Amino acid sequence: MAYHVDRLKRPYDYRVLVETYIYAQRKDFVHPDFTTYYASLLDTLEKLFQVRLSREELSFDHQILWGLFQSTVDSLLQITNPWAGYLEAGLLHKKLEESGESFDIVSKAGATIAEANKASKAAHREILYALFETIFGECSRIVTSEELLQAGFDDSKEPDVADYYDYF
């Protein structure tokens, strides 16, 4: 289970709209408050951007591209590492250090995995942003927190994982 959740950037451009869609697709949140927040934010942003991030109402050609968009989101959400799910790995690190050369091998391989995951996530996002523009067109719209509030959504209430340690 992944516990880390980056706060969304503000104001909201189409890339943050895509990030919100990704967050709304996640199944690994530690508490339903996260799912509720991101689903509600997505709904409000879609209204303000006047787009619906869905296969529905798309032309046949765009539905084909939407399939790749969705599978790219699914793929992005599956990127992980051997330490995923460890809330605290102090004992694990201690045992690795005691094992001798295994510590160096695991540390170097872990760094390689982290870099590969970072590059993979960036490449996934490049695909998503390009597909968004291909499907929905160029989007220079920027949505502010004030506009969200006027539309009935308070983005100052974004959940912070630090407030949910009791649920780990």
N, C-alpha and C. Protein backbone atom coordinates (compact mmCIF):
# COMPACT_ATOMS: atom_id res chain seq x y z
N MET A 1 0.84 -1.17 0.00
CA MET A 1 0.00 0.00 0.00
C MET A 1 0.89 1.24 0.00
N ALA A 2 0.61 2.19 -0.88
CA ALA A 2 1.38 3.42 -0.93
C ALA A 2 0.76 4.43 0.02
N TYR A 3 1.59 5.12 0.75
CA TYR A 3 1.07 6.07 1.72
C TYR A 3 1.33 7.51 1.33
N HIS A 4 2.32 7.73 0.48
CA HIS A 4 2.70 9.09 0.13
C HIS A 4 1.69 9.70 -0.83
N VAL A 5 1.28 10.90 -0.53
CA VAL A 5 0.37 11.64 -1.39
C VAL A 5 0.91 13.06 -1.50
N ASP A 6 1.36 13.44 -2.70
CA ASP A 6 1.81 14.82 -2.90
C ASP A 6 0.61 15.74 -2.92
N ARG A 7 0.78 16.90 -2.36
CA ARG A 7 -0.27 17.91 -2.42
C ARG A 7 -0.36 18.40 -3.87
N LEU A 8 -1.55 18.68 -4.34
CA LEU A 8 -1.73 19.16 -5.70
C LEU A 8 -1.25 20.60 -5.81
N LYS A 9 -0.70 20.93 -6.96
CA LYS A 9 -0.23 22.29 -7.20
C LYS A 9 -1.43 23.20 -7.46
N ARG A 10 -1.26 24.45 -7.11
CA ARG A 10 -2.28 25.46 -7.33
C ARG A 10 -1.62 26.67 -7.96
N PRO A 11 -2.26 27.45 -8.80
CA PRO A 11 -3.59 27.22 -9.35
C PRO A 11 -3.59 26.00 -10.27
N TYR A 12 -4.77 25.64 -10.76
CA TYR A 12 -4.97 24.39 -11.48
C TYR A 12 -4.96 24.62 -12.99
N ASP A 13 -3.96 24.06 -13.66
CA ASP A 13 -3.97 24.06 -15.12
C ASP A 13 -4.39 22.66 -15.58
N TYR A 14 -4.35 22.41 -16.89
CA TYR A 14 -4.84 21.12 -17.37
C TYR A 14 -3.98 19.97 -16.85
N ARG A 15 -2.71 20.22 -16.58
CA ARG A 15 -1.85 19.16 -16.05
C ARG A 15 -2.28 18.78 -14.62
N VAL A 16 -2.68 19.74 -13.83
CA VAL A 16 -3.17 19.43 -12.48
C VAL A 16 -4.54 18.76 -12.57
N LEU A 17 -5.32 19.12 -13.57
CA LEU A 17 -6.58 18.40 -13.81
C LEU A 17 -6.29 16.92 -14.07
N VAL A 18 -5.28 16.63 -14.89
CA VAL A 18 -4.89 15.24 -15.16
C VAL A 18 -4.40 14.57 -13.87
N GLU A 19 -3.60 15.27 -13.08
CA GLU A 19 -3.12 14.71 -11.81
C GLU A 19 -4.30 14.39 -10.88
N THR A 20 -5.28 15.27 -10.88
CA THR A 20 -6.47 15.04 -10.05
C THR A 20 -7.19 13.78 -10.53
N TYR A 21 -7.27 13.60 -11.84
CA TYR A 21 -7.88 12.39 -12.38
C TYR A 21 -7.11 11.15 -11.92
N ILE A 22 -5.78 11.23 -11.97
CA ILE A 22 -4.95 10.11 -11.51
C ILE A 22 -5.24 9.81 -10.05
N TYR A 23 -5.27 10.85 -9.22
CA TYR A 23 -5.54 10.65 -7.79
C TYR A 23 -6.93 10.04 -7.58
N ALA A 24 -7.89 10.47 -8.38
CA ALA A 24 -9.25 9.95 -8.24
C ALA A 24 -9.34 8.47 -8.62
N GLN A 25 -8.35 7.98 -9.38
CA GLN A 25 -8.32 6.58 -9.79
C GLN A 25 -7.60 5.68 -8.78
N ARG A 26 -6.88 6.27 -7.86
CA ARG A 26 -6.09 5.48 -6.91
C ARG A 26 -6.98 4.65 -5.99
N LYS A 27 -6.48 3.47 -5.67
CA LYS A 27 -7.21 2.56 -4.77
C LYS A 27 -6.42 2.30 -3.49
N ASP A 28 -5.32 3.00 -3.30
CA ASP A 28 -4.41 2.69 -2.20
C ASP A 28 -4.37 3.74 -1.10
N PHE A 29 -5.36 4.61 -1.06
CA PHE A 29 -5.35 5.62 -0.01
C PHE A 29 -5.62 4.98 1.34
N VAL A 30 -5.03 5.56 2.36
CA VAL A 30 -5.12 5.03 3.71
C VAL A 30 -6.50 5.29 4.34
N HIS A 31 -7.25 6.23 3.78
CA HIS A 31 -8.55 6.59 4.35
C HIS A 31 -9.47 7.08 3.23
N PRO A 32 -10.76 6.79 3.33
CA PRO A 32 -11.71 7.22 2.29
C PRO A 32 -11.81 8.74 2.10
N ASP A 33 -11.36 9.53 3.07
CA ASP A 33 -11.38 10.99 2.93
C ASP A 33 -10.62 11.43 1.68
N PHE A 34 -9.51 10.74 1.37
CA PHE A 34 -8.71 11.08 0.20
C PHE A 34 -9.51 10.83 -1.08
N THR A 35 -10.11 9.67 -1.17
CA THR A 35 -10.90 9.31 -2.34
C THR A 35 -12.04 10.29 -2.55
N THR A 36 -12.74 10.61 -1.48
CA THR A 36 -13.86 11.55 -1.55
C THR A 36 -13.39 12.93 -1.99
N TYR A 37 -12.30 13.40 -1.42
CA TYR A 37 -11.79 14.73 -1.74
C TYR A 37 -11.42 14.82 -3.23
N TYR A 38 -10.61 13.87 -3.71
CA TYR A 38 -10.14 13.96 -5.09
C TYR A 38 -11.25 13.72 -6.10
N ALA A 39 -12.22 12.87 -5.79
CA ALA A 39 -13.36 12.66 -6.69
C ALA A 39 -14.19 13.95 -6.78
N SER A 40 -14.40 14.61 -5.66
CA SER A 40 -15.17 15.86 -5.64
C SER A 40 -14.42 16.98 -6.34
N LEU A 41 -13.11 17.06 -6.10
CA LEU A 41 -12.30 18.07 -6.78
C LEU A 41 -12.33 17.84 -8.28
N LEU A 42 -12.19 16.59 -8.70
CA LEU A 42 -12.22 16.28 -10.13
C LEU A 42 -13.55 16.71 -10.74
N ASP A 43 -14.64 16.40 -10.09
CA ASP A 43 -15.95 16.77 -10.60
C ASP A 43 -16.06 18.29 -10.79
N THR A 44 -15.59 19.04 -9.81
CA THR A 44 -15.67 20.50 -9.88
C THR A 44 -14.74 21.04 -10.95
N LEU A 45 -13.52 20.51 -11.04
CA LEU A 45 -12.58 20.97 -12.07
C LEU A 45 -13.10 20.66 -13.47
N GLU A 46 -13.69 19.49 -13.64
CA GLU A 46 -14.24 19.16 -14.96
C GLU A 46 -15.30 20.18 -15.38
N LYS A 47 -16.13 20.59 -14.44
CA LYS A 47 -17.15 21.59 -14.76
C LYS A 47 -16.50 22.92 -15.14
N LEU A 48 -15.49 23.33 -14.38
CA LEU A 48 -14.85 24.62 -14.65
C LEU A 48 -14.01 24.59 -15.93
N PHE A 49 -13.39 23.46 -16.23
CA PHE A 49 -12.62 23.31 -17.47
C PHE A 49 -13.52 22.98 -18.65
N GLN A 50 -14.76 22.64 -18.37
CA GLN A 50 -15.74 22.24 -19.38
C GLN A 50 -15.26 21.05 -20.20
N VAL A 51 -14.70 20.05 -19.48
CA VAL A 51 -14.31 18.78 -20.08
C VAL A 51 -14.80 17.66 -19.15
N ARG A 52 -15.01 16.51 -19.73
CA ARG A 52 -15.36 15.33 -18.94
C ARG A 52 -14.32 14.28 -19.24
N LEU A 53 -13.49 13.97 -18.23
CA LEU A 53 -12.44 12.98 -18.41
C LEU A 53 -13.07 11.59 -18.35
N SER A 54 -13.60 11.21 -19.49
CA SER A 54 -14.35 9.96 -19.61
C SER A 54 -14.45 9.61 -21.09
N ARG A 55 -14.65 8.35 -21.36
CA ARG A 55 -14.84 7.86 -22.73
C ARG A 55 -16.18 8.36 -23.30
N GLU A 56 -17.14 8.57 -22.41
CA GLU A 56 -18.47 9.00 -22.83
C GLU A 56 -18.40 10.31 -23.60
N GLU A 57 -19.24 10.44 -24.57
CA GLU A 57 -19.40 11.65 -25.37
C GLU A 57 -18.20 11.98 -26.26
N LEU A 58 -17.22 11.08 -26.36
CA LEU A 58 -16.09 11.30 -27.26
C LEU A 58 -16.39 10.70 -28.63
N SER A 59 -15.79 11.27 -29.65
CA SER A 59 -15.91 10.69 -30.98
C SER A 59 -15.23 9.32 -30.97
N PHE A 60 -15.51 8.52 -31.98
CA PHE A 60 -14.90 7.19 -32.05
C PHE A 60 -13.38 7.29 -32.00
N ASP A 61 -12.79 8.18 -32.79
CA ASP A 61 -11.33 8.33 -32.81
C ASP A 61 -10.78 8.70 -31.43
N HIS A 62 -11.48 9.59 -30.75
CA HIS A 62 -11.03 10.01 -29.42
C HIS A 62 -11.26 8.91 -28.38
N GLN A 63 -12.29 8.07 -28.58
CA GLN A 63 -12.48 6.94 -27.69
C GLN A 63 -11.31 5.97 -27.78
N ILE A 64 -10.78 5.79 -28.98
CA ILE A 64 -9.60 4.94 -29.17
C ILE A 64 -8.42 5.52 -28.38
N LEU A 65 -8.22 6.81 -28.48
CA LEU A 65 -7.13 7.47 -27.74
C LEU A 65 -7.39 7.44 -26.24
N TRP A 66 -8.67 7.57 -25.85
CA TRP A 66 -9.01 7.51 -24.43
C TRP A 66 -8.60 6.17 -23.83
N GLY A 67 -8.75 5.10 -24.59
CA GLY A 67 -8.33 3.78 -24.11
C GLY A 67 -6.86 3.79 -23.72
N LEU A 68 -6.02 4.44 -24.53
CA LEU A 68 -4.59 4.54 -24.19
C LEU A 68 -4.39 5.46 -22.99
N PHE A 69 -5.15 6.53 -22.92
CA PHE A 69 -5.07 7.43 -21.77
C PHE A 69 -5.33 6.65 -20.48
N GLN A 70 -6.44 5.90 -20.46
CA GLN A 70 -6.81 5.16 -19.26
C GLN A 70 -5.78 4.07 -18.93
N SER A 71 -5.30 3.36 -19.93
CA SER A 71 -4.31 2.31 -19.64
C SER A 71 -2.99 2.91 -19.18
N THR A 72 -2.70 4.13 -19.62
CA THR A 72 -1.49 4.82 -19.13
C THR A 72 -1.65 5.20 -17.67
N VAL A 73 -2.83 5.67 -17.29
CA VAL A 73 -3.11 5.97 -15.88
C VAL A 73 -2.97 4.69 -15.05
N ASP A 74 -3.57 3.60 -15.53
CA ASP A 74 -3.50 2.33 -14.81
C ASP A 74 -2.05 1.87 -14.65
N SER A 75 -1.27 2.01 -15.70
CA SER A 75 0.14 1.62 -15.66
C SER A 75 0.92 2.49 -14.66
N LEU A 76 0.68 3.79 -14.71
CA LEU A 76 1.34 4.73 -13.80
C LEU A 76 1.06 4.36 -12.34
N LEU A 77 -0.17 4.00 -12.06
CA LEU A 77 -0.55 3.68 -10.68
C LEU A 77 0.04 2.35 -10.19
N GLN A 78 0.61 1.57 -11.09
CA GLN A 78 1.20 0.29 -10.70
C GLN A 78 2.70 0.38 -10.46
N ILE A 79 3.31 1.53 -10.73
CA ILE A 79 4.75 1.68 -10.52
C ILE A 79 5.01 1.66 -9.02
N THR A 80 5.90 0.80 -8.61
CA THR A 80 6.18 0.62 -7.18
C THR A 80 7.64 0.26 -6.98
N ASN A 81 7.97 -0.14 -5.79
CA ASN A 81 9.33 -0.56 -5.47
C ASN A 81 9.27 -1.58 -4.33
N PRO A 82 10.39 -2.26 -4.05
CA PRO A 82 10.37 -3.28 -3.00
C PRO A 82 10.06 -2.75 -1.60
N TRP A 83 10.16 -1.45 -1.41
CA TRP A 83 9.92 -0.88 -0.09
C TRP A 83 8.50 -0.34 0.05
N ALA A 84 7.70 -0.47 -0.98
CA ALA A 84 6.31 0.00 -0.92
C ALA A 84 5.60 -0.70 0.23
N GLY A 85 4.91 0.07 1.02
CA GLY A 85 4.16 -0.51 2.13
C GLY A 85 4.90 -0.48 3.46
N TYR A 86 6.20 -0.21 3.43
CA TYR A 86 6.92 -0.08 4.70
C TYR A 86 6.70 1.32 5.23
N LEU A 87 6.08 1.42 6.37
CA LEU A 87 5.90 2.71 6.99
C LEU A 87 7.18 3.12 7.71
N GLU A 88 7.83 2.14 8.30
CA GLU A 88 9.08 2.37 9.02
C GLU A 88 9.96 1.15 8.76
N ALA A 89 11.13 1.38 8.19
CA ALA A 89 11.99 0.26 7.79
C ALA A 89 13.31 0.24 8.57
N GLY A 90 13.32 0.80 9.76
CA GLY A 90 14.55 0.85 10.56
C GLY A 90 15.14 -0.52 10.85
N LEU A 91 14.30 -1.45 11.28
CA LEU A 91 14.80 -2.80 11.57
C LEU A 91 15.31 -3.48 10.30
N LEU A 92 14.61 -3.29 9.21
CA LEU A 92 15.05 -3.84 7.94
C LEU A 92 16.42 -3.30 7.56
N HIS A 93 16.61 -2.01 7.66
CA HIS A 93 17.91 -1.39 7.35
C HIS A 93 19.00 -1.93 8.28
N LYS A 94 18.68 -2.09 9.55
CA LYS A 94 19.65 -2.62 10.51
C LYS A 94 20.08 -4.02 10.11
N LYS A 95 19.12 -4.87 9.75
CA LYS A 95 19.44 -6.25 9.36
C LYS A 95 20.23 -6.29 8.06
N LEU A 96 19.92 -5.39 7.14
CA LEU A 96 20.70 -5.32 5.90
C LEU A 96 22.14 -4.89 6.19
N GLU A 97 22.30 -3.90 7.04
CA GLU A 97 23.65 -3.44 7.40
C GLU A 97 24.46 -4.56 8.06
N GLU A 98 23.79 -5.34 8.87
CA GLU A 98 24.46 -6.47 9.53
C GLU A 98 24.84 -7.57 8.55
N SER A 99 24.19 -7.61 7.41
CA SER A 99 24.43 -8.69 6.46
C SER A 99 25.69 -8.50 5.63
N GLY A 100 26.33 -7.35 5.77
CA GLY A 100 27.58 -7.14 5.03
C GLY A 100 27.35 -6.56 3.65
N GLU A 101 27.89 -7.28 2.66
CA GLU A 101 27.86 -6.73 1.30
C GLU A 101 26.45 -6.67 0.71
N SER A 102 25.52 -7.41 1.25
CA SER A 102 24.13 -7.33 0.76
C SER A 102 23.60 -5.90 0.89
N PHE A 103 24.00 -5.21 1.94
CA PHE A 103 23.55 -3.84 2.15
C PHE A 103 23.92 -2.97 0.97
N ASP A 104 25.17 -3.05 0.51
CA ASP A 104 25.61 -2.23 -0.62
C ASP A 104 24.86 -2.60 -1.90
N ILE A 105 24.67 -3.88 -2.12
CA ILE A 105 23.96 -4.34 -3.32
C ILE A 105 22.52 -3.85 -3.30
N VAL A 106 21.85 -4.04 -2.17
CA VAL A 106 20.45 -3.62 -2.05
C VAL A 106 20.35 -2.10 -2.16
N SER A 107 21.25 -1.37 -1.55
CA SER A 107 21.22 0.10 -1.61
C SER A 107 21.40 0.60 -3.04
N LYS A 108 22.37 0.06 -3.75
CA LYS A 108 22.62 0.49 -5.14
C LYS A 108 21.45 0.10 -6.04
N ALA A 109 20.95 -1.11 -5.89
CA ALA A 109 19.82 -1.55 -6.71
C ALA A 109 18.58 -0.73 -6.39
N GLY A 110 18.38 -0.42 -5.11
CA GLY A 110 17.25 0.41 -4.71
C GLY A 110 17.31 1.79 -5.34
N ALA A 111 18.51 2.38 -5.38
CA ALA A 111 18.69 3.69 -6.01
C ALA A 111 18.40 3.61 -7.51
N THR A 112 18.82 2.52 -8.13
CA THR A 112 18.54 2.31 -9.55
C THR A 112 17.04 2.21 -9.80
N ILE A 113 16.35 1.45 -8.96
CA ILE A 113 14.89 1.31 -9.08
C ILE A 113 14.22 2.67 -8.89
N ALA A 114 14.65 3.43 -7.91
CA ALA A 114 14.06 4.74 -7.65
C ALA A 114 14.22 5.67 -8.86
N GLU A 115 15.40 5.68 -9.46
CA GLU A 115 15.63 6.52 -10.64
C GLU A 115 14.80 6.05 -11.83
N ALA A 116 14.73 4.72 -12.01
CA ALA A 116 13.93 4.17 -13.11
C ALA A 116 12.45 4.49 -12.91
N ASN A 117 11.97 4.39 -11.69
CA ASN A 117 10.57 4.72 -11.40
C ASN A 117 10.29 6.20 -11.65
N LYS A 118 11.22 7.04 -11.26
CA LYS A 118 11.06 8.48 -11.48
C LYS A 118 10.98 8.78 -12.98
N ALA A 119 11.86 8.17 -13.76
CA ALA A 119 11.84 8.36 -15.22
C ALA A 119 10.57 7.78 -15.82
N SER A 120 10.14 6.63 -15.34
CA SER A 120 8.93 6.00 -15.85
C SER A 120 7.70 6.86 -15.56
N LYS A 121 7.61 7.39 -14.35
CA LYS A 121 6.47 8.25 -14.00
C LYS A 121 6.45 9.50 -14.87
N ALA A 122 7.61 10.09 -15.11
CA ALA A 122 7.68 11.28 -15.97
C ALA A 122 7.26 10.94 -17.39
N ALA A 123 7.68 9.80 -17.91
CA ALA A 123 7.29 9.39 -19.27
C ALA A 123 5.79 9.13 -19.35
N HIS A 124 5.23 8.49 -18.33
CA HIS A 124 3.78 8.27 -18.29
C HIS A 124 3.04 9.61 -18.36
N ARG A 125 3.52 10.58 -17.58
CA ARG A 125 2.86 11.88 -17.56
C ARG A 125 2.98 12.58 -18.91
N GLU A 126 4.12 12.45 -19.58
CA GLU A 126 4.26 13.03 -20.92
C GLU A 126 3.19 12.47 -21.85
N ILE A 127 3.00 11.15 -21.80
CA ILE A 127 1.97 10.51 -22.62
C ILE A 127 0.59 11.08 -22.26
N LEU A 128 0.29 11.16 -20.97
CA LEU A 128 -1.03 11.63 -20.54
C LEU A 128 -1.29 13.07 -20.99
N TYR A 129 -0.31 13.94 -20.83
CA TYR A 129 -0.50 15.34 -21.21
C TYR A 129 -0.68 15.47 -22.72
N ALA A 130 0.10 14.71 -23.48
CA ALA A 130 -0.03 14.74 -24.95
C ALA A 130 -1.40 14.21 -25.37
N LEU A 131 -1.83 13.12 -24.77
CA LEU A 131 -3.14 12.56 -25.12
C LEU A 131 -4.27 13.50 -24.71
N PHE A 132 -4.14 14.14 -23.55
CA PHE A 132 -5.17 15.10 -23.13
C PHE A 132 -5.35 16.16 -24.21
N GLU A 133 -4.23 16.75 -24.66
CA GLU A 133 -4.31 17.81 -25.67
C GLU A 133 -4.85 17.28 -26.99
N THR A 134 -4.50 16.05 -27.34
CA THR A 134 -5.01 15.47 -28.58
C THR A 134 -6.51 15.22 -28.50
N ILE A 135 -6.97 14.75 -27.37
CA ILE A 135 -8.39 14.43 -27.21
C ILE A 135 -9.23 15.69 -26.97
N PHE A 136 -8.77 16.57 -26.10
CA PHE A 136 -9.60 17.70 -25.67
C PHE A 136 -9.15 19.05 -26.25
N GLY A 137 -8.02 19.07 -26.93
CA GLY A 137 -7.51 20.31 -27.50
C GLY A 137 -6.60 21.03 -26.52
N GLU A 138 -5.94 22.05 -27.04
CA GLU A 138 -5.07 22.86 -26.19
C GLU A 138 -5.92 23.53 -25.12
N CYS A 139 -5.35 23.63 -23.94
CA CYS A 139 -6.11 24.17 -22.82
C CYS A 139 -5.22 25.13 -22.03
N SER A 140 -5.51 26.41 -22.17
CA SER A 140 -4.73 27.41 -21.43
C SER A 140 -5.46 27.88 -20.18
N ARG A 141 -6.62 27.33 -19.93
CA ARG A 141 -7.45 27.70 -18.78
C ARG A 141 -6.70 27.44 -17.48
N ILE A 142 -6.79 28.36 -16.57
CA ILE A 142 -6.26 28.22 -15.22
C ILE A 142 -7.42 28.43 -14.25
N VAL A 143 -7.56 27.50 -13.31
CA VAL A 143 -8.62 27.60 -12.30
C VAL A 143 -7.96 27.92 -10.96
N THR A 144 -8.49 28.91 -10.29
CA THR A 144 -7.95 29.32 -9.00
C THR A 144 -8.74 28.69 -7.86
N SER A 145 -8.16 28.73 -6.69
CA SER A 145 -8.86 28.26 -5.49
C SER A 145 -10.13 29.07 -5.25
N GLU A 146 -10.08 30.37 -5.58
CA GLU A 146 -11.26 31.21 -5.40
C GLU A 146 -12.39 30.76 -6.32
N GLU A 147 -12.06 30.39 -7.56
CA GLU A 147 -13.09 29.90 -8.48
C GLU A 147 -13.69 28.58 -7.99
N LEU A 148 -12.84 27.72 -7.46
CA LEU A 148 -13.34 26.46 -6.90
C LEU A 148 -14.31 26.74 -5.75
N LEU A 149 -13.94 27.67 -4.89
CA LEU A 149 -14.79 28.00 -3.76
C LEU A 149 -16.13 28.56 -4.23
N GLN A 150 -16.10 29.41 -5.25
CA GLN A 150 -17.34 29.95 -5.81
C GLN A 150 -18.21 28.83 -6.41
N ALA A 151 -17.55 27.76 -6.89
CA ALA A 151 -18.28 26.62 -7.46
C ALA A 151 -18.71 25.63 -6.39
N GLY A 152 -18.39 25.93 -5.12
CA GLY A 152 -18.84 25.09 -4.02
C GLY A 152 -17.83 24.07 -3.52
N PHE A 153 -16.54 24.20 -3.92
CA PHE A 153 -15.52 23.25 -3.45
C PHE A 153 -14.40 24.01 -2.76
N ASP A 154 -14.07 23.60 -1.54
CA ASP A 154 -13.02 24.25 -0.75
C ASP A 154 -11.75 23.40 -0.81
N ASP A 155 -10.79 23.85 -1.63
CA ASP A 155 -9.56 23.07 -1.79
C ASP A 155 -8.58 23.23 -0.63
N SER A 156 -8.91 24.08 0.32
CA SER A 156 -8.05 24.20 1.51
C SER A 156 -8.22 22.99 2.42
N LYS A 157 -9.18 22.14 2.13
CA LYS A 157 -9.45 20.95 2.95
C LYS A 157 -8.79 19.69 2.40
N GLU A 158 -7.78 19.85 1.52
CA GLU A 158 -7.09 18.68 0.97
C GLU A 158 -6.50 17.86 2.11
N PRO A 159 -6.80 16.57 2.16
CA PRO A 159 -6.28 15.74 3.25
C PRO A 159 -4.75 15.70 3.25
N ASP A 160 -4.20 15.63 4.42
CA ASP A 160 -2.75 15.51 4.61
C ASP A 160 -2.49 14.18 5.27
N VAL A 161 -1.65 13.36 4.63
CA VAL A 161 -1.40 12.01 5.14
C VAL A 161 -0.88 12.03 6.58
N ALA A 162 -0.23 13.11 6.98
CA ALA A 162 0.29 13.21 8.35
C ALA A 162 -0.84 13.19 9.38
N ASP A 163 -2.04 13.55 8.95
CA ASP A 163 -3.18 13.55 9.87
C ASP A 163 -3.85 12.18 9.99
N TYR A 164 -3.31 11.18 9.29
CA TYR A 164 -3.97 9.87 9.23
C TYR A 164 -3.08 8.73 9.70
N TYR A 165 -2.07 9.03 10.48
CA TYR A 165 -1.16 7.97 10.95
C TYR A 165 -1.87 6.89 11.76
N ASP A 166 -2.96 7.22 12.41
CA ASP A 166 -3.71 6.23 13.18
C ASP A 166 -4.31 5.13 12.30
N TYR A 167 -4.38 5.39 11.00
CA TYR A 167 -5.01 4.45 10.08
C TYR A 167 -4.00 3.53 9.40
N PHE A 168 -2.71 3.72 9.68
CA PHE A 168 -1.69 2.88 9.04
C PHE A 168 -1.63 1.52 9.70
